[in-house]
């Protein structure tokens, strides 16, 4: 591994966590290099934001499945990462289930951020799950990725209260603010080991 880890960030949406990571790198708070930003969706805003930073981007081939890549997509993803000399894969709003060959190619080097205090509220729209459950507190979790959804070893968590006036939108926005602080700090912790 290099002294400044080479990262690929995978995302399917707006890329706000990617931006938080890149800004932490530029501010000298996170010792890493984002060498590639990849999306499974050609029109994802994360790609536009990456290009605005002058970073290389790639789009994965279309998948026949809604929640995972097809075999060709998995192979193409691993090839992209290997060709770019990637050491760590960072999932930032990537809405596909990660499986082999990605898991076996990057063992214990794939990290995700999830909008709940895992193990509570795994899967999609965790902030809505928290509101429906009536919990008084939720937050976000940075964790290693394994073969099970949102079940890898927890690296760090940040708690936020659920307010009585919260809507799904306000709660999600506050969780995202916490994510933008937690993600760079958690990666710093991992890379210093």
N, C-alpha and C. Protein backbone atom coordinates (compact mmCIF):
# COMPACT_ATOMS: atom_id res chain seq x y z
N UNK A 1 0.84 -1.19 0.00
CA UNK A 1 0.00 0.00 0.00
C UNK A 1 0.88 1.25 0.00
N UNK A 2 0.42 2.28 -0.68
CA UNK A 2 1.18 3.53 -0.73
C UNK A 2 0.93 4.34 0.55
N UNK A 3 1.74 5.40 0.73
CA UNK A 3 1.56 6.24 1.90
C UNK A 3 0.30 7.10 1.76
N UNK A 4 -0.12 7.37 0.55
CA UNK A 4 -1.38 8.07 0.30
C UNK A 4 -2.28 7.09 -0.45
N UNK A 5 -3.17 6.40 0.27
CA UNK A 5 -3.97 5.34 -0.35
C UNK A 5 -4.76 5.84 -1.57
N UNK A 6 -4.75 5.02 -2.60
CA UNK A 6 -5.50 5.33 -3.83
C UNK A 6 -6.90 4.76 -3.70
N UNK A 7 -7.88 5.67 -3.77
CA UNK A 7 -9.28 5.30 -3.57
C UNK A 7 -10.07 5.36 -4.87
N UNK A 8 -11.04 4.48 -4.96
CA UNK A 8 -12.10 4.62 -5.95
C UNK A 8 -13.38 4.84 -5.15
N UNK A 9 -14.16 5.83 -5.54
CA UNK A 9 -15.44 6.08 -4.89
C UNK A 9 -16.54 5.64 -5.86
N UNK A 10 -17.42 4.78 -5.35
CA UNK A 10 -18.56 4.31 -6.13
C UNK A 10 -19.82 4.95 -5.59
N UNK A 11 -20.62 5.52 -6.48
CA UNK A 11 -21.86 6.15 -6.05
C UNK A 11 -22.92 6.07 -7.13
N UNK A 12 -24.16 6.18 -6.69
CA UNK A 12 -25.30 6.11 -7.62
C UNK A 12 -26.11 7.40 -7.65
N UNK A 13 -25.75 8.37 -6.82
CA UNK A 13 -26.63 9.53 -6.69
C UNK A 13 -25.92 10.87 -6.78
N UNK A 14 -26.23 11.74 -5.81
CA UNK A 14 -25.76 13.13 -5.84
C UNK A 14 -24.29 13.29 -5.49
N UNK A 15 -23.75 12.37 -4.70
CA UNK A 15 -22.32 12.43 -4.41
C UNK A 15 -21.92 13.37 -3.30
N UNK A 16 -22.82 13.67 -2.36
CA UNK A 16 -22.45 14.60 -1.30
C UNK A 16 -21.37 14.02 -0.38
N UNK A 17 -21.39 12.72 -0.14
CA UNK A 17 -20.33 12.11 0.67
C UNK A 17 -19.00 12.09 -0.08
N UNK A 18 -19.05 11.87 -1.38
CA UNK A 18 -17.84 11.98 -2.19
C UNK A 18 -17.23 13.38 -2.05
N UNK A 19 -18.07 14.41 -2.18
CA UNK A 19 -17.59 15.79 -2.06
C UNK A 19 -16.96 16.02 -0.69
N UNK A 20 -17.59 15.52 0.36
CA UNK A 20 -17.03 15.67 1.71
C UNK A 20 -15.65 15.02 1.80
N UNK A 21 -15.49 13.86 1.19
CA UNK A 21 -14.19 13.19 1.20
C UNK A 21 -13.15 13.98 0.41
N UNK A 22 -13.52 14.41 -0.79
CA UNK A 22 -12.57 15.15 -1.63
C UNK A 22 -12.18 16.48 -0.96
N UNK A 23 -13.13 17.15 -0.35
CA UNK A 23 -12.81 18.41 0.35
C UNK A 23 -11.90 18.15 1.55
N UNK A 24 -12.09 17.03 2.25
CA UNK A 24 -11.20 16.69 3.36
C UNK A 24 -9.79 16.41 2.86
N UNK A 25 -9.68 15.76 1.71
CA UNK A 25 -8.37 15.51 1.10
C UNK A 25 -7.70 16.84 0.74
N UNK A 26 -8.44 17.72 0.07
CA UNK A 26 -7.88 19.01 -0.36
C UNK A 26 -7.48 19.88 0.83
N UNK A 27 -8.20 19.73 1.95
CA UNK A 27 -7.90 20.51 3.16
C UNK A 27 -6.77 19.89 3.99
N UNK A 28 -6.27 18.73 3.55
CA UNK A 28 -5.20 18.07 4.29
C UNK A 28 -5.67 17.31 5.52
N UNK A 29 -6.98 17.07 5.61
CA UNK A 29 -7.53 16.34 6.77
C UNK A 29 -7.60 14.84 6.54
N UNK A 30 -7.53 14.42 5.29
CA UNK A 30 -7.57 13.00 4.94
C UNK A 30 -6.44 12.73 3.97
N UNK A 31 -5.51 11.88 4.39
CA UNK A 31 -4.36 11.53 3.56
C UNK A 31 -4.76 10.40 2.62
N UNK A 32 -5.24 10.76 1.44
CA UNK A 32 -5.66 9.79 0.43
C UNK A 32 -5.76 10.50 -0.90
N UNK A 33 -5.88 9.72 -1.95
CA UNK A 33 -6.09 10.25 -3.30
C UNK A 33 -7.28 9.55 -3.91
N UNK A 34 -8.26 10.31 -4.34
CA UNK A 34 -9.37 9.71 -5.08
C UNK A 34 -8.91 9.62 -6.53
N UNK A 35 -8.62 8.40 -6.97
CA UNK A 35 -8.06 8.18 -8.29
C UNK A 35 -9.12 7.90 -9.35
N UNK A 36 -10.33 7.58 -8.89
CA UNK A 36 -11.39 7.24 -9.83
C UNK A 36 -12.75 7.33 -9.13
N UNK A 37 -13.73 7.88 -9.84
CA UNK A 37 -15.11 7.92 -9.35
C UNK A 37 -15.96 7.16 -10.36
N UNK A 38 -16.70 6.17 -9.86
CA UNK A 38 -17.45 5.27 -10.73
C UNK A 38 -18.92 5.30 -10.32
N UNK A 39 -19.79 5.28 -11.33
CA UNK A 39 -21.22 5.16 -11.05
C UNK A 39 -21.82 4.06 -11.90
N UNK A 40 -22.88 3.48 -11.37
CA UNK A 40 -23.65 2.51 -12.13
C UNK A 40 -24.72 3.20 -12.97
N UNK A 41 -24.85 4.52 -12.82
CA UNK A 41 -25.85 5.29 -13.56
C UNK A 41 -25.14 6.39 -14.35
N UNK A 42 -25.30 6.43 -15.67
CA UNK A 42 -24.56 7.40 -16.49
C UNK A 42 -24.90 8.86 -16.21
N UNK A 43 -26.10 9.12 -15.66
CA UNK A 43 -26.50 10.51 -15.40
C UNK A 43 -26.42 10.89 -13.91
N UNK A 44 -25.71 10.09 -13.12
CA UNK A 44 -25.61 10.37 -11.69
C UNK A 44 -24.81 11.66 -11.46
N UNK A 45 -25.30 12.48 -10.56
CA UNK A 45 -24.66 13.77 -10.26
C UNK A 45 -23.26 13.60 -9.72
N UNK A 46 -22.97 12.47 -9.06
CA UNK A 46 -21.62 12.25 -8.54
C UNK A 46 -20.58 12.36 -9.65
N UNK A 47 -20.90 11.93 -10.87
CA UNK A 47 -19.96 12.00 -11.97
C UNK A 47 -19.68 13.45 -12.37
N UNK A 48 -20.71 14.27 -12.39
CA UNK A 48 -20.56 15.69 -12.70
C UNK A 48 -19.70 16.38 -11.65
N UNK A 49 -19.95 16.04 -10.38
CA UNK A 49 -19.18 16.63 -9.29
C UNK A 49 -17.72 16.20 -9.35
N UNK A 50 -17.48 14.94 -9.68
CA UNK A 50 -16.10 14.45 -9.80
C UNK A 50 -15.36 15.18 -10.92
N UNK A 51 -16.03 15.36 -12.05
CA UNK A 51 -15.41 16.06 -13.18
C UNK A 51 -15.09 17.50 -12.80
N UNK A 52 -15.95 18.12 -11.98
CA UNK A 52 -15.69 19.50 -11.54
C UNK A 52 -14.41 19.58 -10.71
N UNK A 53 -14.04 18.50 -10.02
CA UNK A 53 -12.78 18.44 -9.28
C UNK A 53 -11.62 18.00 -10.18
N UNK A 54 -11.92 17.70 -11.44
CA UNK A 54 -10.88 17.25 -12.36
C UNK A 54 -10.48 15.79 -12.16
N UNK A 55 -11.37 15.00 -11.58
CA UNK A 55 -11.07 13.60 -11.30
C UNK A 55 -11.58 12.68 -12.42
N UNK A 56 -10.88 11.60 -12.67
CA UNK A 56 -11.34 10.65 -13.68
C UNK A 56 -12.63 9.96 -13.24
N UNK A 57 -13.49 9.70 -14.21
CA UNK A 57 -14.77 9.04 -13.92
C UNK A 57 -14.98 7.87 -14.88
N UNK A 58 -15.88 6.99 -14.48
CA UNK A 58 -16.26 5.88 -15.34
C UNK A 58 -17.70 5.49 -15.00
N UNK A 59 -18.37 4.93 -15.99
CA UNK A 59 -19.73 4.43 -15.81
C UNK A 59 -19.74 2.93 -16.10
N UNK A 60 -20.39 2.19 -15.24
CA UNK A 60 -20.46 0.74 -15.42
C UNK A 60 -21.49 0.40 -16.49
N UNK A 61 -21.31 -0.75 -17.15
CA UNK A 61 -22.29 -1.15 -18.14
C UNK A 61 -23.66 -1.40 -17.49
N UNK A 62 -24.75 -1.21 -18.24
CA UNK A 62 -26.08 -1.45 -17.69
C UNK A 62 -26.20 -2.87 -17.13
N UNK A 63 -26.99 -2.99 -16.08
CA UNK A 63 -27.19 -4.30 -15.44
C UNK A 63 -28.59 -4.81 -15.71
N UNK A 64 -28.72 -6.13 -15.88
CA UNK A 64 -30.06 -6.70 -16.03
C UNK A 64 -30.81 -6.77 -14.70
N UNK A 65 -30.12 -6.45 -13.60
CA UNK A 65 -30.72 -6.55 -12.27
C UNK A 65 -30.86 -5.17 -11.64
N UNK A 66 -31.86 -5.00 -10.79
CA UNK A 66 -32.09 -3.70 -10.16
C UNK A 66 -31.13 -3.43 -8.99
N UNK A 67 -30.79 -4.47 -8.22
CA UNK A 67 -30.04 -4.25 -6.99
C UNK A 67 -28.61 -4.77 -7.01
N UNK A 68 -28.17 -5.29 -8.14
CA UNK A 68 -26.79 -5.77 -8.23
C UNK A 68 -26.33 -5.65 -9.67
N UNK A 69 -25.03 -5.77 -9.87
CA UNK A 69 -24.49 -5.79 -11.22
C UNK A 69 -24.61 -7.19 -11.78
N UNK A 70 -24.69 -7.27 -13.10
CA UNK A 70 -24.62 -8.57 -13.74
C UNK A 70 -23.17 -9.04 -13.76
N UNK A 71 -22.94 -10.28 -14.14
CA UNK A 71 -21.57 -10.81 -14.16
C UNK A 71 -20.61 -9.97 -15.00
N UNK A 72 -21.05 -9.48 -16.15
CA UNK A 72 -20.19 -8.64 -16.99
C UNK A 72 -19.84 -7.35 -16.27
N UNK A 73 -20.81 -6.77 -15.59
CA UNK A 73 -20.58 -5.53 -14.85
C UNK A 73 -19.60 -5.71 -13.71
N UNK A 74 -19.72 -6.83 -12.99
CA UNK A 74 -18.80 -7.12 -11.89
C UNK A 74 -17.36 -7.24 -12.41
N UNK A 75 -17.19 -7.96 -13.50
CA UNK A 75 -15.85 -8.15 -14.07
C UNK A 75 -15.31 -6.82 -14.57
N UNK A 76 -16.16 -6.03 -15.23
CA UNK A 76 -15.73 -4.72 -15.74
C UNK A 76 -15.32 -3.80 -14.59
N UNK A 77 -16.06 -3.84 -13.49
CA UNK A 77 -15.75 -3.01 -12.33
C UNK A 77 -14.37 -3.37 -11.76
N UNK A 78 -14.13 -4.65 -11.54
CA UNK A 78 -12.84 -5.09 -11.00
C UNK A 78 -11.71 -4.68 -11.94
N UNK A 79 -11.92 -4.83 -13.24
CA UNK A 79 -10.88 -4.46 -14.21
C UNK A 79 -10.59 -2.97 -14.15
N UNK A 80 -11.64 -2.14 -14.08
CA UNK A 80 -11.45 -0.69 -13.95
C UNK A 80 -10.61 -0.35 -12.72
N UNK A 81 -10.93 -0.98 -11.60
CA UNK A 81 -10.22 -0.70 -10.36
C UNK A 81 -8.77 -1.15 -10.43
N UNK A 82 -8.54 -2.31 -10.98
CA UNK A 82 -7.17 -2.80 -11.09
C UNK A 82 -6.36 -1.95 -12.05
N UNK A 83 -6.95 -1.56 -13.18
CA UNK A 83 -6.24 -0.73 -14.16
C UNK A 83 -5.84 0.62 -13.57
N UNK A 84 -6.63 1.13 -12.63
CA UNK A 84 -6.36 2.43 -12.01
C UNK A 84 -5.45 2.31 -10.78
N UNK A 85 -5.03 1.11 -10.45
CA UNK A 85 -4.15 0.93 -9.29
C UNK A 85 -4.84 1.24 -7.97
N UNK A 86 -6.12 0.93 -7.88
CA UNK A 86 -6.92 1.24 -6.69
C UNK A 86 -6.54 0.31 -5.54
N UNK A 87 -6.42 0.89 -4.34
CA UNK A 87 -6.12 0.12 -3.14
C UNK A 87 -7.33 -0.04 -2.23
N UNK A 88 -8.23 0.95 -2.23
CA UNK A 88 -9.42 0.91 -1.37
C UNK A 88 -10.64 1.30 -2.20
N UNK A 89 -11.75 0.61 -1.97
CA UNK A 89 -13.01 0.92 -2.64
C UNK A 89 -13.95 1.53 -1.60
N UNK A 90 -14.42 2.73 -1.90
CA UNK A 90 -15.27 3.48 -0.97
C UNK A 90 -16.67 3.59 -1.58
N UNK A 91 -17.65 3.09 -0.85
CA UNK A 91 -19.03 3.16 -1.32
C UNK A 91 -19.70 4.38 -0.68
N UNK A 92 -20.16 5.28 -1.52
CA UNK A 92 -20.78 6.53 -1.05
C UNK A 92 -22.12 6.69 -1.78
N UNK A 93 -23.14 6.05 -1.22
CA UNK A 93 -24.44 6.11 -1.88
C UNK A 93 -24.50 5.20 -3.10
N UNK A 94 -23.75 4.12 -3.07
CA UNK A 94 -23.76 3.14 -4.16
C UNK A 94 -24.89 2.16 -3.88
N UNK A 95 -25.86 2.11 -4.77
CA UNK A 95 -27.10 1.39 -4.49
C UNK A 95 -27.15 -0.01 -5.11
N UNK A 96 -26.00 -0.65 -5.15
CA UNK A 96 -25.93 -2.03 -5.64
C UNK A 96 -25.32 -2.91 -4.56
N UNK A 97 -25.76 -4.14 -4.47
CA UNK A 97 -25.18 -5.12 -3.55
C UNK A 97 -23.80 -5.50 -4.09
N UNK A 98 -22.81 -5.47 -3.22
CA UNK A 98 -21.44 -5.81 -3.61
C UNK A 98 -21.23 -7.31 -3.39
N UNK A 99 -20.66 -7.96 -4.39
CA UNK A 99 -20.40 -9.40 -4.27
C UNK A 99 -19.10 -9.73 -5.00
N UNK A 100 -18.79 -11.02 -5.10
CA UNK A 100 -17.60 -11.43 -5.84
C UNK A 100 -17.80 -11.15 -7.32
N UNK A 101 -16.71 -10.83 -8.02
CA UNK A 101 -15.31 -10.90 -7.62
C UNK A 101 -14.78 -9.66 -6.89
N UNK A 102 -15.62 -8.63 -6.70
CA UNK A 102 -15.13 -7.43 -6.02
C UNK A 102 -14.70 -7.73 -4.59
N UNK A 103 -15.50 -8.47 -3.86
CA UNK A 103 -15.17 -8.78 -2.46
C UNK A 103 -13.86 -9.55 -2.34
N UNK A 104 -13.63 -10.51 -3.21
CA UNK A 104 -12.41 -11.31 -3.10
C UNK A 104 -11.19 -10.58 -3.65
N UNK A 105 -11.39 -9.61 -4.54
CA UNK A 105 -10.28 -8.84 -5.08
C UNK A 105 -9.81 -7.78 -4.09
N UNK A 106 -10.73 -7.25 -3.29
CA UNK A 106 -10.42 -6.20 -2.30
C UNK A 106 -10.86 -6.65 -0.90
N UNK A 107 -10.30 -7.74 -0.39
CA UNK A 107 -10.73 -8.22 0.93
C UNK A 107 -10.40 -7.21 2.03
N UNK A 108 -11.40 -6.89 2.85
CA UNK A 108 -11.23 -5.93 3.95
C UNK A 108 -10.73 -4.57 3.48
N UNK A 109 -11.01 -4.24 2.23
CA UNK A 109 -10.62 -2.93 1.69
C UNK A 109 -11.77 -2.26 0.94
N UNK A 110 -13.01 -2.64 1.31
CA UNK A 110 -14.21 -1.98 0.79
C UNK A 110 -14.94 -1.41 2.00
N UNK A 111 -15.22 -0.11 1.95
CA UNK A 111 -15.84 0.58 3.08
C UNK A 111 -17.10 1.31 2.61
N UNK A 112 -18.13 1.23 3.43
CA UNK A 112 -19.42 1.85 3.12
C UNK A 112 -19.84 2.79 4.25
N UNK A 113 -20.68 3.74 3.90
CA UNK A 113 -21.35 4.55 4.92
C UNK A 113 -22.85 4.29 4.80
N UNK A 114 -23.49 4.10 5.95
CA UNK A 114 -24.92 3.75 5.97
C UNK A 114 -25.66 4.71 6.91
N UNK A 115 -26.86 5.17 6.51
CA UNK A 115 -27.59 6.17 7.30
C UNK A 115 -28.42 5.60 8.45
N UNK A 116 -27.79 4.80 9.30
CA UNK A 116 -28.41 4.36 10.54
C UNK A 116 -27.32 3.91 11.50
N UNK A 117 -27.71 3.64 12.72
CA UNK A 117 -26.78 3.06 13.69
C UNK A 117 -26.88 1.54 13.55
N UNK A 118 -26.09 1.00 12.66
CA UNK A 118 -26.12 -0.45 12.46
C UNK A 118 -25.81 -1.15 13.77
N UNK A 119 -26.40 -2.29 14.05
CA UNK A 119 -27.14 -3.14 13.11
C UNK A 119 -28.60 -2.76 12.89
N UNK A 120 -29.07 -1.68 13.45
CA UNK A 120 -30.46 -1.27 13.25
C UNK A 120 -30.67 -0.71 11.83
N UNK A 121 -31.79 -1.00 11.26
CA UNK A 121 -32.27 -0.40 10.01
C UNK A 121 -31.31 -0.57 8.83
N UNK A 122 -31.06 -1.83 8.53
CA UNK A 122 -30.25 -2.16 7.35
C UNK A 122 -31.08 -1.92 6.09
N UNK A 123 -30.38 -1.81 4.97
CA UNK A 123 -31.07 -1.71 3.69
C UNK A 123 -31.45 -0.29 3.32
N UNK A 124 -32.44 -0.19 2.45
CA UNK A 124 -32.81 1.09 1.85
C UNK A 124 -33.61 1.98 2.79
N UNK A 125 -33.44 3.29 2.59
CA UNK A 125 -34.23 4.33 3.26
C UNK A 125 -34.28 4.13 4.77
N UNK A 126 -33.11 3.99 5.35
CA UNK A 126 -32.99 3.69 6.79
C UNK A 126 -33.58 4.80 7.65
N UNK A 127 -33.52 6.04 7.21
CA UNK A 127 -34.08 7.14 7.99
C UNK A 127 -35.60 7.02 8.10
N UNK A 128 -36.25 6.52 7.04
CA UNK A 128 -37.69 6.29 7.10
C UNK A 128 -38.00 5.12 8.04
N UNK A 129 -37.15 4.09 8.00
CA UNK A 129 -37.33 2.97 8.91
C UNK A 129 -37.24 3.45 10.37
N UNK A 130 -36.28 4.36 10.64
CA UNK A 130 -36.10 4.88 12.01
C UNK A 130 -37.34 5.66 12.45
N UNK A 131 -37.86 6.50 11.57
CA UNK A 131 -39.07 7.27 11.91
C UNK A 131 -40.26 6.35 12.16
N UNK A 132 -40.45 5.37 11.30
CA UNK A 132 -41.55 4.43 11.45
C UNK A 132 -41.45 3.65 12.76
N UNK A 133 -40.22 3.31 13.15
CA UNK A 133 -40.01 2.54 14.39
C UNK A 133 -40.18 3.40 15.64
N UNK A 134 -40.17 4.72 15.47
CA UNK A 134 -40.36 5.61 16.61
C UNK A 134 -39.16 5.71 17.54
N UNK A 135 -37.95 5.46 17.03
CA UNK A 135 -36.76 5.54 17.88
C UNK A 135 -36.46 6.99 18.23
N UNK A 136 -35.79 7.20 19.34
CA UNK A 136 -35.44 8.55 19.79
C UNK A 136 -34.08 9.00 19.25
N UNK A 137 -33.34 8.05 18.68
CA UNK A 137 -31.98 8.35 18.23
C UNK A 137 -31.66 7.48 17.03
N UNK A 138 -30.94 8.05 16.07
CA UNK A 138 -30.43 7.31 14.93
C UNK A 138 -29.07 7.89 14.61
N UNK A 139 -28.62 7.77 13.38
CA UNK A 139 -27.31 8.32 13.05
C UNK A 139 -26.77 7.69 11.79
N UNK A 140 -25.44 7.47 11.78
CA UNK A 140 -24.80 6.88 10.61
C UNK A 140 -23.65 6.00 11.05
N UNK A 141 -23.28 5.08 10.17
CA UNK A 141 -22.26 4.08 10.47
C UNK A 141 -21.32 3.95 9.28
N UNK A 142 -20.03 3.96 9.55
CA UNK A 142 -19.03 3.59 8.54
C UNK A 142 -18.59 2.18 8.88
N UNK A 143 -18.61 1.30 7.87
CA UNK A 143 -18.30 -0.11 8.14
C UNK A 143 -17.61 -0.77 6.96
N UNK A 144 -16.88 -1.82 7.26
CA UNK A 144 -16.32 -2.65 6.20
C UNK A 144 -17.45 -3.41 5.53
N UNK A 145 -17.27 -3.73 4.26
CA UNK A 145 -18.29 -4.44 3.49
C UNK A 145 -17.92 -5.91 3.42
N UNK A 146 -18.92 -6.76 3.67
CA UNK A 146 -18.75 -8.19 3.49
C UNK A 146 -19.91 -8.71 2.63
N UNK A 147 -20.08 -10.01 2.57
CA UNK A 147 -21.09 -10.59 1.67
C UNK A 147 -22.53 -10.32 2.12
N UNK A 148 -22.72 -9.93 3.37
CA UNK A 148 -24.06 -9.65 3.87
C UNK A 148 -24.33 -8.14 3.84
N UNK A 149 -25.57 -7.77 3.58
CA UNK A 149 -25.92 -6.36 3.44
C UNK A 149 -25.81 -5.63 4.77
N UNK A 150 -25.01 -4.56 4.78
CA UNK A 150 -24.84 -3.68 5.94
C UNK A 150 -24.50 -4.46 7.21
N UNK A 151 -23.63 -5.47 7.08
CA UNK A 151 -23.33 -6.34 8.21
C UNK A 151 -21.84 -6.45 8.53
N UNK A 152 -21.00 -5.71 7.82
CA UNK A 152 -19.57 -5.80 8.06
C UNK A 152 -19.15 -5.11 9.36
N UNK A 153 -17.90 -5.34 9.74
CA UNK A 153 -17.36 -4.78 10.97
C UNK A 153 -17.51 -3.25 11.00
N UNK A 154 -18.01 -2.75 12.11
CA UNK A 154 -18.24 -1.31 12.26
C UNK A 154 -16.92 -0.61 12.58
N UNK A 155 -16.66 0.47 11.85
CA UNK A 155 -15.46 1.29 12.06
C UNK A 155 -15.77 2.45 12.98
N UNK A 156 -16.88 3.15 12.71
CA UNK A 156 -17.25 4.32 13.51
C UNK A 156 -18.73 4.61 13.32
N UNK A 157 -19.31 5.26 14.34
CA UNK A 157 -20.71 5.67 14.26
C UNK A 157 -20.84 7.08 14.83
N UNK A 158 -21.86 7.77 14.36
CA UNK A 158 -22.21 9.08 14.93
C UNK A 158 -23.71 9.10 15.17
N UNK A 159 -24.09 9.50 16.38
CA UNK A 159 -25.50 9.50 16.79
C UNK A 159 -26.11 10.89 16.58
N UNK A 160 -27.38 10.89 16.22
CA UNK A 160 -28.16 12.13 16.19
C UNK A 160 -29.54 11.85 16.77
N UNK A 161 -30.13 12.83 17.45
CA UNK A 161 -31.47 12.62 17.99
C UNK A 161 -32.52 12.67 16.88
N UNK A 162 -33.59 11.92 17.08
CA UNK A 162 -34.75 12.03 16.21
C UNK A 162 -35.69 13.02 16.89
N UNK A 163 -36.00 14.10 16.21
CA UNK A 163 -36.84 15.16 16.79
C UNK A 163 -38.31 14.87 16.52
N UNK A 164 -39.16 15.32 17.42
CA UNK A 164 -40.60 15.04 17.26
C UNK A 164 -41.14 15.65 15.97
N UNK A 165 -40.57 16.77 15.52
CA UNK A 165 -41.06 17.41 14.30
C UNK A 165 -40.39 16.89 13.03
N UNK A 166 -39.49 15.90 13.16
CA UNK A 166 -38.77 15.40 11.98
C UNK A 166 -39.72 14.79 10.95
N UNK A 167 -39.41 15.08 9.70
CA UNK A 167 -40.01 14.40 8.55
C UNK A 167 -38.91 13.51 7.97
N UNK A 168 -39.24 12.62 7.06
CA UNK A 168 -38.16 11.84 6.44
C UNK A 168 -37.08 12.74 5.82
N UNK A 169 -37.49 13.86 5.25
CA UNK A 169 -36.54 14.76 4.59
C UNK A 169 -35.63 15.46 5.59
N UNK A 170 -36.19 15.97 6.68
CA UNK A 170 -35.35 16.69 7.66
C UNK A 170 -34.41 15.73 8.39
N UNK A 171 -34.91 14.55 8.71
CA UNK A 171 -34.06 13.57 9.38
C UNK A 171 -32.93 13.13 8.46
N UNK A 172 -33.25 12.86 7.20
CA UNK A 172 -32.23 12.44 6.25
C UNK A 172 -31.17 13.54 6.08
N UNK A 173 -31.60 14.79 6.02
CA UNK A 173 -30.65 15.90 5.86
C UNK A 173 -29.68 15.97 7.05
N UNK A 174 -30.20 15.78 8.25
CA UNK A 174 -29.33 15.83 9.43
C UNK A 174 -28.39 14.63 9.50
N UNK A 175 -28.89 13.47 9.06
CA UNK A 175 -28.01 12.29 9.00
C UNK A 175 -26.89 12.55 8.00
N UNK A 176 -27.22 13.15 6.87
CA UNK A 176 -26.19 13.42 5.86
C UNK A 176 -25.13 14.39 6.39
N UNK A 177 -25.54 15.39 7.16
CA UNK A 177 -24.56 16.30 7.76
C UNK A 177 -23.59 15.51 8.65
N UNK A 178 -24.12 14.59 9.43
CA UNK A 178 -23.29 13.75 10.29
C UNK A 178 -22.37 12.87 9.46
N UNK A 179 -22.89 12.32 8.37
CA UNK A 179 -22.08 11.48 7.49
C UNK A 179 -20.88 12.25 6.94
N UNK A 180 -21.10 13.50 6.57
CA UNK A 180 -20.02 14.30 5.97
C UNK A 180 -18.89 14.56 6.96
N UNK A 181 -19.18 14.55 8.24
CA UNK A 181 -18.15 14.67 9.28
C UNK A 181 -17.51 13.31 9.57
N UNK A 182 -18.35 12.30 9.70
CA UNK A 182 -17.89 10.98 10.14
C UNK A 182 -17.04 10.27 9.09
N UNK A 183 -17.42 10.33 7.84
CA UNK A 183 -16.77 9.52 6.81
C UNK A 183 -15.27 9.84 6.68
N UNK A 184 -14.88 11.11 6.50
CA UNK A 184 -13.44 11.38 6.40
C UNK A 184 -12.68 10.99 7.67
N UNK A 185 -13.29 11.23 8.83
CA UNK A 185 -12.62 10.89 10.10
C UNK A 185 -12.44 9.39 10.23
N UNK A 186 -13.44 8.62 9.84
CA UNK A 186 -13.36 7.16 9.94
C UNK A 186 -12.30 6.61 8.98
N UNK A 187 -12.24 7.17 7.76
CA UNK A 187 -11.22 6.70 6.81
C UNK A 187 -9.82 7.05 7.30
N UNK A 188 -9.66 8.21 7.89
CA UNK A 188 -8.37 8.58 8.47
C UNK A 188 -7.94 7.54 9.50
N UNK A 189 -8.88 7.14 10.33
CA UNK A 189 -8.61 6.11 11.36
C UNK A 189 -8.16 4.80 10.72
N UNK A 190 -8.84 4.38 9.68
CA UNK A 190 -8.50 3.13 9.00
C UNK A 190 -7.13 3.21 8.34
N UNK A 191 -6.86 4.30 7.65
CA UNK A 191 -5.62 4.41 6.88
C UNK A 191 -4.40 4.59 7.77
N UNK A 192 -4.59 5.02 9.02
CA UNK A 192 -3.47 5.20 9.92
C UNK A 192 -3.04 3.90 10.57
N UNK A 193 -3.82 2.83 10.43
CA UNK A 193 -3.48 1.55 11.05
C UNK A 193 -2.29 0.90 10.35
